[in-house]
C-alpha cells in the first residue's frame, strides 16, 4: 500500500469504502472499514492525497487526516456522479471519487475550520427558529380566520394584535379558544427570545472578526450576511476570482448554448441558497434606496431598474456585491463607497 498516490473514501456514518490508486491510475487498494478502524488504517499509510465528497462530517475527517500527514481534498458530489460506472454502490462511488480527483481541471471545495462550523451552526439554528416562528404566525392567522378575525401578514402584526384579540370580549372566541391562542402567543414569545439570543451571538462574532467588519461596511450587507459569508468562503484563494465566487452562489446566468449560438437563461441557483437569499434581500434594500441618490452606482442601479425591472436589478446588485466581497477578502482591502 506504499505506492498509493490518491485515496478516495466514500464517507458514511459507520462504514467507509476506500479505493486507492497509484500514479498510473491503477487500483492498488479496495477496502471496507468500520468507523473505529478508519483512522488506524489511514495512519499506517504513507502520505498521499485523500479525496472525499463534500458532505456532513467531511471537514472533520479532513482535519483528522491532515494531522496524520496526508493532503486532503473535497469534491462536490455533483462532479463525482459522472464518473460512477454502471450501478451505484459504495465501491463504485469510492472509485469514482479517485477518478474525478485525477482530472486536471477538477474543482475542489475547501474544508471548514472548527470556527467556521461554529458560525454556520449559529446561522442554521437561527434560520430554523425563524422558520418555526413563521409557521406559528401563519397558523395563528389561519385559525383566527376561522373565528372571523382577519389579521394582516407579518410577525409584527400578530405580536401587536393578538393580545388585543384575547382581551376583546365581543369576538367569537370561546374560553377554550382563548386558552389555545394564549399558549400560541407564549410559544411565539419564546421563539422571539431564542432568536434574540442567536442574534446576540452573531453580533459577538461580527465584533470579534475583522473580515466581517470590512464586509459589513458595504451597502446591503449587514451583520448576518457578513458573518454567514465569511464563514462560508473560508479561504478566498479557493475561488479564482469574484465571478467564480458569484457562480458558486448561483448568481450568474445558466447557459444553454449549441451550434455556436449562445443563450443565457435565468440565474443558476446553484450553491448555498441561504447565502444567495441574504445577498438578494440586502440588494433589494440597496435598489429601494438608490432612487434618492445620485452617485455613480445608484445611477447605474436606477438605469438597470428602468431597463430590466426591480427584481433583475436586485439580482444584478447581489451579483456585484458577491464579487466585491471576494475582492475585499482576497486582497485584504477596505470597502470604498461609490462617489
C-alpha atoms as a PDB file:
ATOM      1  CA  UNK A   1       0.000   0.000   0.000  1.00  0.00           C
ATOM      2  CA  UNK A   2       3.034   2.307  -0.073  1.00  0.00           C
ATOM      3  CA  UNK A   3       2.515   3.226  -3.739  1.00  0.00           C
ATOM      4  CA  UNK A   4      -0.888   4.874  -3.229  1.00  0.00           C
ATOM      5  CA  UNK A   5      -0.984   8.411  -4.612  1.00  0.00           C
ATOM      6  CA  UNK A   6      -4.735   9.097  -4.462  1.00  0.00           C
ATOM      7  CA  UNK A   7      -7.072   7.545  -1.911  1.00  0.00           C
ATOM      8  CA  UNK A   8     -10.806   8.002  -2.427  1.00  0.00           C
ATOM      9  CA  UNK A   9     -13.061   7.495   0.595  1.00  0.00           C
ATOM     10  CA  UNK A  10     -16.810   7.111   0.366  1.00  0.00           C
ATOM     11  CA  UNK A  11     -17.964   8.544   3.698  1.00  0.00           C
ATOM     12  CA  UNK A  12     -20.845   7.234   5.779  1.00  0.00           C
ATOM     13  CA  UNK A  13     -21.823   7.096   9.439  1.00  0.00           C
ATOM     14  CA  UNK A  14     -20.329   3.734  10.350  1.00  0.00           C
ATOM     15  CA  UNK A  15     -18.987   2.001   7.210  1.00  0.00           C
ATOM     16  CA  UNK A  16     -16.369   3.550   4.909  1.00  0.00           C
ATOM     17  CA  UNK A  17     -15.259   2.334   1.490  1.00  0.00           C
ATOM     18  CA  UNK A  18     -11.647   3.012   0.421  1.00  0.00           C
ATOM     19  CA  UNK A  19     -10.250   2.983  -3.110  1.00  0.00           C
ATOM     20  CA  UNK A  20      -6.544   3.684  -3.620  1.00  0.00           C
ATOM     21  CA  UNK A  21      -4.792   4.178  -6.945  1.00  0.00           C
ATOM     22  CA  UNK A  22      -1.142   4.618  -7.907  1.00  0.00           C
ATOM     23  CA  UNK A  23       0.454   7.235 -10.165  1.00  0.00           C
ATOM     24  CA  UNK A  24      -0.743   5.403 -13.289  1.00  0.00           C
ATOM     25  CA  UNK A  25      -4.337   5.243 -12.057  1.00  0.00           C
ATOM     26  CA  UNK A  26      -4.227   1.503 -11.348  1.00  0.00           C
ATOM     27  CA  UNK A  27      -6.283   0.357  -8.350  1.00  0.00           C
ATOM     28  CA  UNK A  28      -3.983  -0.906  -5.598  1.00  0.00           C
ATOM     29  CA  UNK A  29      -6.356  -0.829  -2.617  1.00  0.00           C
ATOM     30  CA  UNK A  30     -10.018  -1.684  -2.192  1.00  0.00           C
ATOM     31  CA  UNK A  31     -11.174  -1.968   1.385  1.00  0.00           C
ATOM     32  CA  UNK A  32     -14.258  -1.527   3.552  1.00  0.00           C
ATOM     33  CA  UNK A  33     -13.728  -0.306   7.119  1.00  0.00           C
ATOM     34  CA  UNK A  34     -15.788   0.462  10.184  1.00  0.00           C
ATOM     35  CA  UNK A  35     -15.583   3.881  11.800  1.00  0.00           C
ATOM     36  CA  UNK A  36     -13.379   2.643  14.650  1.00  0.00           C
ATOM     37  CA  UNK A  37     -10.767   1.242  12.224  1.00  0.00           C
ATOM     38  CA  UNK A  38     -10.591   4.143   9.750  1.00  0.00           C
ATOM     39  CA  UNK A  39      -8.085   6.429  11.495  1.00  0.00           C
ATOM     40  CA  UNK A  40      -5.925   3.463  12.492  1.00  0.00           C
ATOM     41  CA  UNK A  41      -5.718   2.278   8.877  1.00  0.00           C
ATOM     42  CA  UNK A  42      -5.034   5.735   7.433  1.00  0.00           C
ATOM     43  CA  UNK A  43      -2.257   6.289   9.983  1.00  0.00           C
ATOM     44  CA  UNK A  44      -0.390   3.262   8.587  1.00  0.00           C
ATOM     45  CA  UNK A  45      -0.355   4.616   5.021  1.00  0.00           C
ATOM     46  CA  UNK A  46       2.475   6.633   3.518  1.00  0.00           C
ATOM     47  CA  UNK A  47       1.494  10.304   2.971  1.00  0.00           C
ATOM     48  CA  UNK A  48      -0.840  10.600  -0.001  1.00  0.00           C
ATOM     49  CA  UNK A  49      -3.752  12.685  -1.289  1.00  0.00           C
ATOM     50  CA  UNK A  50      -7.038  11.696   0.321  1.00  0.00           C
ATOM     51  CA  UNK A  51     -10.181  12.783  -1.509  1.00  0.00           C
ATOM     52  CA  UNK A  52     -13.767  12.722  -0.240  1.00  0.00           C
ATOM     53  CA  UNK A  53     -17.117  14.126  -1.278  1.00  0.00           C
ATOM     54  CA  UNK A  54     -18.070  17.377   0.443  1.00  0.00           C
ATOM     55  CA  UNK A  55     -20.803  16.368   2.883  1.00  0.00           C
ATOM     56  CA  UNK A  56     -21.664  16.352   6.562  1.00  0.00           C
ATOM     57  CA  UNK A  57     -18.596  15.289   8.537  1.00  0.00           C
ATOM     58  CA  UNK A  58     -16.138  15.633   5.638  1.00  0.00           C
ATOM     59  CA  UNK A  59     -14.393  18.675   7.166  1.00  0.00           C
ATOM     60  CA  UNK A  60     -13.941  16.727  10.401  1.00  0.00           C
ATOM     61  CA  UNK A  61     -12.197  13.889   8.571  1.00  0.00           C
ATOM     62  CA  UNK A  62     -10.028  16.356   6.672  1.00  0.00           C
ATOM     63  CA  UNK A  63      -8.718  17.721   9.951  1.00  0.00           C
ATOM     64  CA  UNK A  64      -8.095  14.194  11.260  1.00  0.00           C
ATOM     65  CA  UNK A  65      -6.186  13.080   8.148  1.00  0.00           C
ATOM     66  CA  UNK A  66      -4.171  16.311   7.889  1.00  0.00           C
ATOM     67  CA  UNK A  67      -2.796  15.671  11.379  1.00  0.00           C
ATOM     68  CA  UNK A  68      -1.574  12.270  10.132  1.00  0.00           C
ATOM     69  CA  UNK A  69       0.473  13.959   7.382  1.00  0.00           C
ATOM     70  CA  UNK A  70      -1.854  13.427   4.430  1.00  0.00           C
ATOM     71  CA  UNK A  71      -3.107  16.033   1.967  1.00  0.00           C
ATOM     72  CA  UNK A  72      -6.895  16.193   1.851  1.00  0.00           C
ATOM     73  CA  UNK A  73      -9.311  17.453  -0.807  1.00  0.00           C
ATOM     74  CA  UNK A  74     -13.086  17.664  -1.043  1.00  0.00           C
ATOM     75  CA  UNK A  75     -15.142  17.382  -4.239  1.00  0.00           C
ATOM     76  CA  UNK A  76     -18.728  18.444  -4.747  1.00  0.00           C
ATOM     77  CA  UNK A  77     -20.889  15.299  -5.214  1.00  0.00           C
ATOM     78  CA  UNK A  78     -22.267  16.655  -8.495  1.00  0.00           C
ATOM     79  CA  UNK A  79     -18.761  16.449 -10.007  1.00  0.00           C
ATOM     80  CA  UNK A  80     -18.283  12.848  -8.852  1.00  0.00           C
ATOM     81  CA  UNK A  81     -21.551  11.472 -10.222  1.00  0.00           C
ATOM     82  CA  UNK A  82     -20.499  11.433 -13.938  1.00  0.00           C
ATOM     83  CA  UNK A  83     -17.580   9.120 -13.066  1.00  0.00           C
ATOM     84  CA  UNK A  84     -19.701   6.414 -11.370  1.00  0.00           C
ATOM     85  CA  UNK A  85     -19.566   3.295 -13.522  1.00  0.00           C
ATOM     86  CA  UNK A  86     -22.675   1.132 -14.003  1.00  0.00           C
ATOM     87  CA  UNK A  87     -24.681   0.774 -10.780  1.00  0.00           C
ATOM     88  CA  UNK A  88     -24.282   2.972  -7.733  1.00  0.00           C
ATOM     89  CA  UNK A  89     -22.549   1.330  -4.781  1.00  0.00           C
ATOM     90  CA  UNK A  90     -20.056   2.334  -2.092  1.00  0.00           C
ATOM     91  CA  UNK A  91     -17.281   0.573  -4.016  1.00  0.00           C
ATOM     92  CA  UNK A  92     -18.116   2.320  -7.284  1.00  0.00           C
ATOM     93  CA  UNK A  93     -18.525   5.677  -5.515  1.00  0.00           C
ATOM     94  CA  UNK A  94     -15.052   5.452  -3.948  1.00  0.00           C
ATOM     95  CA  UNK A  95     -13.547   4.582  -7.333  1.00  0.00           C
ATOM     96  CA  UNK A  96     -15.411   7.488  -8.952  1.00  0.00           C
ATOM     97  CA  UNK A  97     -14.003   9.886  -6.333  1.00  0.00           C
ATOM     98  CA  UNK A  98     -10.461   8.797  -7.273  1.00  0.00           C
ATOM     99  CA  UNK A  99     -11.230   9.128 -10.967  1.00  0.00           C
ATOM    100  CA  UNK A 100     -12.737  12.598 -10.561  1.00  0.00           C
ATOM    101  CA  UNK A 101      -9.845  13.812  -8.398  1.00  0.00           C
ATOM    102  CA  UNK A 102      -7.319  12.777 -11.064  1.00  0.00           C
ATOM    103  CA  UNK A 103      -8.849  15.146 -13.643  1.00  0.00           C
ATOM    104  CA  UNK A 104      -6.552  18.189 -14.137  1.00  0.00           C
ATOM    105  CA  UNK A 105      -9.475  20.612 -14.412  1.00  0.00           C
ATOM    106  CA  UNK A 106     -11.371  19.350 -11.359  1.00  0.00           C
ATOM    107  CA  UNK A 107     -12.575  21.977  -8.873  1.00  0.00           C
ATOM    108  CA  UNK A 108     -12.302  21.261  -5.175  1.00  0.00           C
ATOM    109  CA  UNK A 109     -14.099  22.540  -2.075  1.00  0.00           C
ATOM    110  CA  UNK A 110     -12.158  23.993   0.854  1.00  0.00           C
ATOM    111  CA  UNK A 111     -12.866  22.160   4.155  1.00  0.00           C
ATOM    112  CA  UNK A 112     -14.311  24.196   7.003  1.00  0.00           C
ATOM    113  CA  UNK A 113     -12.391  25.065  10.125  1.00  0.00           C
ATOM    114  CA  UNK A 114     -13.939  24.493  13.552  1.00  0.00           C
ATOM    115  CA  UNK A 115     -14.511  28.257  13.841  1.00  0.00           C
ATOM    116  CA  UNK A 116     -16.376  28.309  10.519  1.00  0.00           C
ATOM    117  CA  UNK A 117     -18.546  25.415  11.644  1.00  0.00           C
ATOM    118  CA  UNK A 118     -19.394  27.254  14.876  1.00  0.00           C
ATOM    119  CA  UNK A 119     -20.616  30.304  12.939  1.00  0.00           C
ATOM    120  CA  UNK A 120     -22.532  28.186  10.450  1.00  0.00           C
ATOM    121  CA  UNK A 121     -24.187  26.287  13.303  1.00  0.00           C
ATOM    122  CA  UNK A 122     -25.395  29.604  14.768  1.00  0.00           C
ATOM    123  CA  UNK A 123     -26.886  30.611  11.410  1.00  0.00           C
ATOM    124  CA  UNK A 124     -28.545  27.250  10.806  1.00  0.00           C
ATOM    125  CA  UNK A 125     -30.168  27.172  14.224  1.00  0.00           C
ATOM    126  CA  UNK A 126     -31.325  30.782  13.870  1.00  0.00           C
ATOM    127  CA  UNK A 127     -32.744  30.019  10.409  1.00  0.00           C
ATOM    128  CA  UNK A 128     -34.669  27.033  11.813  1.00  0.00           C
ATOM    129  CA  UNK A 129     -36.083  29.149  14.642  1.00  0.00           C
ATOM    130  CA  UNK A 130     -37.219  31.825  12.199  1.00  0.00           C
ATOM    131  CA  UNK A 131     -38.883  29.145  10.087  1.00  0.00           C
ATOM    132  CA  UNK A 132     -40.689  27.843  13.161  1.00  0.00           C
ATOM    133  CA  UNK A 133     -41.793  31.357  14.074  1.00  0.00           C
ATOM    134  CA  UNK A 134     -43.139  31.934  10.579  1.00  0.00           C
ATOM    135  CA  UNK A 135     -45.067  28.651  10.775  1.00  0.00           C
ATOM    136  CA  UNK A 136     -46.651  29.640  14.113  1.00  0.00           C
ATOM    137  CA  UNK A 137     -47.606  33.088  12.825  1.00  0.00           C
ATOM    138  CA  UNK A 138     -49.237  31.541   9.751  1.00  0.00           C
ATOM    139  CA  UNK A 139     -51.073  29.019  11.924  1.00  0.00           C
ATOM    140  CA  UNK A 140     -52.360  31.763  14.234  1.00  0.00           C
ATOM    141  CA  UNK A 141     -53.614  33.806  11.279  1.00  0.00           C
ATOM    142  CA  UNK A 142     -55.288  30.756   9.752  1.00  0.00           C
ATOM    143  CA  UNK A 143     -57.000  29.721  12.991  1.00  0.00           C
ATOM    144  CA  UNK A 144     -58.156  33.259  13.751  1.00  0.00           C
ATOM    145  CA  UNK A 145     -59.754  33.442  10.307  1.00  0.00           C
ATOM    146  CA  UNK A 146     -61.980  30.506  11.337  1.00  0.00           C
ATOM    147  CA  UNK A 147     -63.441  32.795  14.016  1.00  0.00           C
ATOM    148  CA  UNK A 148     -63.933  35.654  11.565  1.00  0.00           C
ATOM    149  CA  UNK A 149     -60.858  37.539  12.789  1.00  0.00           C
ATOM    150  CA  UNK A 150     -58.559  38.616   9.955  1.00  0.00           C
ATOM    151  CA  UNK A 151     -55.020  39.778  10.726  1.00  0.00           C
ATOM    152  CA  UNK A 152     -52.572  41.196   8.184  1.00  0.00           C
ATOM    153  CA  UNK A 153     -49.403  39.291   7.320  1.00  0.00           C
ATOM    154  CA  UNK A 154     -46.231  39.744   9.339  1.00  0.00           C
ATOM    155  CA  UNK A 155     -44.862  38.841  12.754  1.00  0.00           C
ATOM    156  CA  UNK A 156     -45.192  42.439  13.951  1.00  0.00           C
ATOM    157  CA  UNK A 157     -48.948  42.475  13.308  1.00  0.00           C
ATOM    158  CA  UNK A 158     -49.519  39.266  15.290  1.00  0.00           C
ATOM    159  CA  UNK A 159     -47.358  40.469  18.184  1.00  0.00           C
ATOM    160  CA  UNK A 160     -49.351  43.696  18.375  1.00  0.00           C
ATOM    161  CA  UNK A 161     -52.899  42.482  17.732  1.00  0.00           C
ATOM    162  CA  UNK A 162     -53.083  39.022  19.349  1.00  0.00           C
ATOM    163  CA  UNK A 163     -53.055  40.351  22.963  1.00  0.00           C
ATOM    164  CA  UNK A 164     -55.822  42.808  21.984  1.00  0.00           C
ATOM    165  CA  UNK A 165     -57.815  39.979  20.381  1.00  0.00           C
ATOM    166  CA  UNK A 166     -57.500  37.883  23.536  1.00  0.00           C
ATOM    167  CA  UNK A 167     -58.828  40.767  25.660  1.00  0.00           C
ATOM    168  CA  UNK A 168     -61.723  41.552  23.316  1.00  0.00           C
ATOM    169  CA  UNK A 169     -64.834  40.037  24.907  1.00  0.00           C
ATOM    170  CA  UNK A 170     -67.039  40.794  21.886  1.00  0.00           C
ATOM    171  CA  UNK A 171     -65.393  38.445  19.370  1.00  0.00           C
ATOM    172  CA  UNK A 172     -66.424  34.798  18.907  1.00  0.00           C
ATOM    173  CA  UNK A 173     -63.505  33.276  20.791  1.00  0.00           C
ATOM    174  CA  UNK A 174     -64.610  30.823  23.472  1.00  0.00           C
ATOM    175  CA  UNK A 175     -62.793  30.335  26.760  1.00  0.00           C
ATOM    176  CA  UNK A 176     -61.068  27.244  25.342  1.00  0.00           C
ATOM    177  CA  UNK A 177     -60.181  29.162  22.171  1.00  0.00           C
ATOM    178  CA  UNK A 178     -58.622  31.985  24.201  1.00  0.00           C
ATOM    179  CA  UNK A 179     -56.530  29.459  26.110  1.00  0.00           C
ATOM    180  CA  UNK A 180     -55.285  27.969  22.840  1.00  0.00           C
ATOM    181  CA  UNK A 181     -54.327  31.343  21.358  1.00  0.00           C
ATOM    182  CA  UNK A 182     -52.736  32.418  24.642  1.00  0.00           C
ATOM    183  CA  UNK A 183     -50.483  29.336  24.512  1.00  0.00           C
ATOM    184  CA  UNK A 184     -49.623  30.075  20.868  1.00  0.00           C
ATOM    185  CA  UNK A 185     -48.762  33.638  21.840  1.00  0.00           C
ATOM    186  CA  UNK A 186     -46.481  32.365  24.613  1.00  0.00           C
ATOM    187  CA  UNK A 187     -44.810  29.989  22.155  1.00  0.00           C
ATOM    188  CA  UNK A 188     -44.261  32.906  19.779  1.00  0.00           C
ATOM    189  CA  UNK A 189     -42.692  34.977  22.552  1.00  0.00           C
ATOM    190  CA  UNK A 190     -40.375  32.097  23.487  1.00  0.00           C
ATOM    191  CA  UNK A 191     -39.193  31.817  19.890  1.00  0.00           C
ATOM    192  CA  UNK A 192     -38.592  35.579  19.782  1.00  0.00           C
ATOM    193  CA  UNK A 193     -36.377  35.275  22.860  1.00  0.00           C
ATOM    194  CA  UNK A 194     -34.425  32.352  21.386  1.00  0.00           C
ATOM    195  CA  UNK A 195     -33.886  34.209  18.107  1.00  0.00           C
ATOM    196  CA  UNK A 196     -32.691  37.227  20.083  1.00  0.00           C
ATOM    197  CA  UNK A 197     -30.064  35.031  21.784  1.00  0.00           C
ATOM    198  CA  UNK A 198     -28.661  33.902  18.431  1.00  0.00           C
ATOM    199  CA  UNK A 199     -28.772  37.458  17.115  1.00  0.00           C
ATOM    200  CA  UNK A 200     -26.548  38.394  20.050  1.00  0.00           C
ATOM    201  CA  UNK A 201     -24.167  35.544  19.211  1.00  0.00           C
ATOM    202  CA  UNK A 202     -23.942  36.788  15.614  1.00  0.00           C
ATOM    203  CA  UNK A 203     -23.303  40.307  16.897  1.00  0.00           C
ATOM    204  CA  UNK A 204     -20.455  38.962  19.047  1.00  0.00           C
ATOM    205  CA  UNK A 205     -18.897  37.116  16.097  1.00  0.00           C
ATOM    206  CA  UNK A 206     -19.169  40.239  13.949  1.00  0.00           C
ATOM    207  CA  UNK A 207     -17.451  42.445  16.518  1.00  0.00           C
ATOM    208  CA  UNK A 208     -14.604  39.981  17.036  1.00  0.00           C
ATOM    209  CA  UNK A 209     -13.901  39.313  13.346  1.00  0.00           C
ATOM    210  CA  UNK A 210     -12.040  41.932  11.308  1.00  0.00           C
ATOM    211  CA  UNK A 211     -13.069  40.390   7.973  1.00  0.00           C
ATOM    212  CA  UNK A 212     -16.748  40.552   8.910  1.00  0.00           C
ATOM    213  CA  UNK A 213     -16.414  44.210   9.844  1.00  0.00           C
ATOM    214  CA  UNK A 214     -14.800  45.077   6.494  1.00  0.00           C
ATOM    215  CA  UNK A 215     -17.514  43.254   4.541  1.00  0.00           C
ATOM    216  CA  UNK A 216     -20.235  44.761   6.763  1.00  0.00           C
ATOM    217  CA  UNK A 217     -19.364  48.285   5.579  1.00  0.00           C
ATOM    218  CA  UNK A 218     -20.845  47.534   2.157  1.00  0.00           C
ATOM    219  CA  UNK A 219     -24.310  48.742   1.220  1.00  0.00           C
ATOM    220  CA  UNK A 220     -26.815  45.904   1.550  1.00  0.00           C
ATOM    221  CA  UNK A 221     -24.556  43.779   3.769  1.00  0.00           C
ATOM    222  CA  UNK A 222     -25.444  43.591   7.458  1.00  0.00           C
ATOM    223  CA  UNK A 223     -24.034  41.610  10.357  1.00  0.00           C
ATOM    224  CA  UNK A 224     -25.994  38.468   9.491  1.00  0.00           C
ATOM    225  CA  UNK A 225     -24.900  38.411   5.845  1.00  0.00           C
ATOM    226  CA  UNK A 226     -21.295  39.353   6.640  1.00  0.00           C
ATOM    227  CA  UNK A 227     -20.806  36.589   9.215  1.00  0.00           C
ATOM    228  CA  UNK A 228     -22.557  33.975   7.077  1.00  0.00           C
ATOM    229  CA  UNK A 229     -20.420  34.741   4.010  1.00  0.00           C
ATOM    230  CA  UNK A 230     -17.115  34.939   5.858  1.00  0.00           C
ATOM    231  CA  UNK A 231     -17.883  31.569   7.474  1.00  0.00           C
ATOM    232  CA  UNK A 232     -18.786  30.040   4.107  1.00  0.00           C
ATOM    233  CA  UNK A 233     -15.967  31.407   1.964  1.00  0.00           C
ATOM    234  CA  UNK A 234     -13.150  30.444   4.341  1.00  0.00           C
ATOM    235  CA  UNK A 235     -10.007  30.780   2.250  1.00  0.00           C
ATOM    236  CA  UNK A 236     -10.735  33.256  -0.609  1.00  0.00           C
ATOM    237  CA  UNK A 237      -7.952  31.722  -2.729  1.00  0.00           C
ATOM    238  CA  UNK A 238     -10.245  28.711  -3.221  1.00  0.00           C
ATOM    239  CA  UNK A 239     -12.023  30.837  -5.830  1.00  0.00           C
ATOM    240  CA  UNK A 240     -10.153  32.117  -8.894  1.00  0.00           C
ATOM    241  CA  UNK A 241     -11.902  35.480  -8.937  1.00  0.00           C
ATOM    242  CA  UNK A 242     -15.059  37.294  -7.932  1.00  0.00           C
ATOM    243  CA  UNK A 243     -17.073  35.827 -10.783  1.00  0.00           C
ATOM    244  CA  UNK A 244     -16.120  32.317  -9.675  1.00  0.00           C
ATOM    245  CA  UNK A 245     -17.419  33.118  -6.180  1.00  0.00           C
ATOM    246  CA  UNK A 246     -20.606  34.620  -7.613  1.00  0.00           C
ATOM    247  CA  UNK A 247     -21.117  31.485  -9.718  1.00  0.00           C
ATOM    248  CA  UNK A 248     -20.579  29.371  -6.590  1.00  0.00           C
ATOM    249  CA  UNK A 249     -23.521  31.233  -5.021  1.00  0.00           C
ATOM    250  CA  UNK A 250     -25.711  30.676  -8.086  1.00  0.00           C
ATOM    251  CA  UNK A 251     -25.944  34.369  -9.005  1.00  0.00           C
ATOM    252  CA  UNK A 252     -24.809  34.035 -12.637  1.00  0.00           C
ATOM    253  CA  UNK A 253     -26.977  33.065 -15.637  1.00  0.00           C
ATOM    254  CA  UNK A 254     -27.425  29.461 -16.719  1.00  0.00           C
ATOM    255  CA  UNK A 255     -26.210  28.734 -20.216  1.00  0.00           C
ATOM    256  CA  UNK A 256     -27.879  26.670 -22.914  1.00  0.00           C
ATOM    257  CA  UNK A 257     -25.639  27.163 -25.940  1.00  0.00           C
ATOM    258  CA  UNK A 258     -25.322  24.979 -29.011  1.00  0.00           C
ATOM    259  CA  UNK A 259     -24.191  25.279 -32.623  1.00  0.00           C
ATOM    260  CA  UNK A 260     -22.237  28.438 -31.915  1.00  0.00           C
ATOM    261  CA  UNK A 261     -25.349  30.213 -30.611  1.00  0.00           C
ATOM    262  CA  UNK A 262     -25.143  31.452 -27.040  1.00  0.00           C
ATOM    263  CA  UNK A 263     -28.302  31.504 -24.978  1.00  0.00           C
ATOM    264  CA  UNK A 264     -28.365  32.819 -21.420  1.00  0.00           C
ATOM    265  CA  UNK A 265     -31.204  31.889 -19.069  1.00  0.00           C
ATOM    266  CA  UNK A 266     -32.097  32.875 -15.509  1.00  0.00           C
ATOM    267  CA  UNK A 267     -29.628  32.568 -12.640  1.00  0.00           C
ATOM    268  CA  UNK A 268     -28.368  29.059 -11.986  1.00  0.00           C
ATOM    269  CA  UNK A 269     -29.442  28.992  -8.287  1.00  0.00           C
ATOM    270  CA  UNK A 270     -26.587  26.613  -7.531  1.00  0.00           C
ATOM    271  CA  UNK A 271     -24.714  26.591  -4.266  1.00  0.00           C
ATOM    272  CA  UNK A 272     -25.888  27.829  -0.881  1.00  0.00           C
ATOM    273  CA  UNK A 273     -29.478  29.105  -1.139  1.00  0.00           C
ATOM    274  CA  UNK A 274     -29.228  30.712   2.322  1.00  0.00           C
ATOM    275  CA  UNK A 275     -26.311  32.953   1.303  1.00  0.00           C
ATOM    276  CA  UNK A 276     -27.926  33.761  -2.023  1.00  0.00           C
ATOM    277  CA  UNK A 277     -31.161  34.761  -0.284  1.00  0.00           C
ATOM    278  CA  UNK A 278     -29.319  37.031   2.166  1.00  0.00           C
ATOM    279  CA  UNK A 279     -27.449  38.774  -0.642  1.00  0.00           C
ATOM    280  CA  UNK A 280     -30.579  39.304  -2.729  1.00  0.00           C
ATOM    281  CA  UNK A 281     -32.597  40.626   0.235  1.00  0.00           C
ATOM    282  CA  UNK A 282     -29.776  43.062   1.003  1.00  0.00           C
ATOM    283  CA  UNK A 283     -29.631  44.060  -2.650  1.00  0.00           C
ATOM    284  CA  UNK A 284     -33.362  44.851  -2.640  1.00  0.00           C
ATOM    285  CA  UNK A 285     -32.708  47.383   0.098  1.00  0.00           C
ATOM    286  CA  UNK A 286     -29.922  48.960  -1.980  1.00  0.00           C
ATOM    287  CA  UNK A 287     -32.195  49.165  -5.028  1.00  0.00           C
ATOM    288  CA  UNK A 288     -35.005  50.706  -2.969  1.00  0.00           C
ATOM    289  CA  UNK A 289     -32.774  53.469  -1.580  1.00  0.00           C
ATOM    290  CA  UNK A 290     -30.922  54.131  -4.852  1.00  0.00           C
ATOM    291  CA  UNK A 291     -33.777  56.273  -6.204  1.00  0.00           C
ATOM    292  CA  UNK A 292     -32.914  59.002  -3.682  1.00  0.00           C
ATOM    293  CA  UNK A 293     -29.194  59.073  -4.519  1.00  0.00           C
ATOM    294  CA  UNK A 294     -27.163  60.405  -7.423  1.00  0.00           C
ATOM    295  CA  UNK A 295     -23.782  58.684  -7.025  1.00  0.00           C
ATOM    296  CA  UNK A 296     -22.362  56.583  -9.871  1.00  0.00           C
ATOM    297  CA  UNK A 297     -23.555  53.258  -8.517  1.00  0.00           C
ATOM    298  CA  UNK A 298     -27.070  54.493  -7.743  1.00  0.00           C
ATOM    299  CA  UNK A 299     -27.384  55.912 -11.268  1.00  0.00           C
ATOM    300  CA  UNK A 300     -26.368  52.507 -12.655  1.00  0.00           C
ATOM    301  CA  UNK A 301     -28.988  50.814 -10.475  1.00  0.00           C
ATOM    302  CA  UNK A 302     -31.755  53.246 -11.491  1.00  0.00           C
ATOM    303  CA  UNK A 303     -30.926  52.750 -15.151  1.00  0.00           C
ATOM    304  CA  UNK A 304     -30.977  48.981 -14.627  1.00  0.00           C
ATOM    305  CA  UNK A 305     -34.388  49.157 -12.919  1.00  0.00           C
ATOM    306  CA  UNK A 306     -35.805  51.107 -15.854  1.00  0.00           C
ATOM    307  CA  UNK A 307     -34.465  48.627 -18.406  1.00  0.00           C
ATOM    308  CA  UNK A 308     -34.837  45.283 -16.633  1.00  0.00           C
ATOM    309  CA  UNK A 309     -37.145  45.768 -13.649  1.00  0.00           C
ATOM    310  CA  UNK A 310     -36.651  45.769  -9.892  1.00  0.00           C
ATOM    311  CA  UNK A 311     -36.164  42.009  -9.377  1.00  0.00           C
ATOM    312  CA  UNK A 312     -33.461  41.617 -12.004  1.00  0.00           C
ATOM    313  CA  UNK A 313     -31.775  44.768 -10.765  1.00  0.00           C
ATOM    314  CA  UNK A 314     -31.677  43.295  -7.248  1.00  0.00           C
ATOM    315  CA  UNK A 315     -30.050  40.094  -8.535  1.00  0.00           C
ATOM    316  CA  UNK A 316     -27.509  42.152 -10.506  1.00  0.00           C
ATOM    317  CA  UNK A 317     -26.632  44.145  -7.377  1.00  0.00           C
ATOM    318  CA  UNK A 318     -26.311  40.907  -5.372  1.00  0.00           C
ATOM    319  CA  UNK A 319     -24.002  39.547  -8.071  1.00  0.00           C
ATOM    320  CA  UNK A 320     -21.822  42.654  -7.935  1.00  0.00           C
ATOM    321  CA  UNK A 321     -21.785  42.614  -4.123  1.00  0.00           C
ATOM    322  CA  UNK A 322     -20.592  38.988  -4.154  1.00  0.00           C
ATOM    323  CA  UNK A 323     -17.696  39.937  -6.445  1.00  0.00           C
ATOM    324  CA  UNK A 324     -16.769  42.894  -4.259  1.00  0.00           C
ATOM    325  CA  UNK A 325     -16.864  40.712  -1.145  1.00  0.00           C
ATOM    326  CA  UNK A 326     -14.433  38.253  -2.715  1.00  0.00           C
ATOM    327  CA  UNK A 327     -12.106  41.113  -3.667  1.00  0.00           C
ATOM    328  CA  UNK A 328     -12.173  42.555  -0.142  1.00  0.00           C
ATOM    329  CA  UNK A 329     -11.377  39.198   1.436  1.00  0.00           C
ATOM    330  CA  UNK A 330      -8.831  38.023  -1.145  1.00  0.00           C
ATOM    331  CA  UNK A 331      -6.870  41.296  -1.336  1.00  0.00           C
ATOM    332  CA  UNK A 332      -7.354  42.467   2.249  1.00  0.00           C
ATOM    333  CA  UNK A 333      -8.734  45.826   1.125  1.00  0.00           C
ATOM    334  CA  UNK A 334     -11.263  48.143   2.749  1.00  0.00           C
ATOM    335  CA  UNK A 335     -14.533  48.962   1.050  1.00  0.00           C
ATOM    336  CA  UNK A 336     -14.768  52.346  -0.637  1.00  0.00           C
ATOM    337  CA  UNK A 337     -18.227  53.718  -1.228  1.00  0.00           C
ATOM    338  CA  UNK A 338     -19.184  54.973  -4.685  1.00  0.00           C
ATOM    339  CA  UNK A 339     -18.636  58.694  -5.192  1.00  0.00           C
END
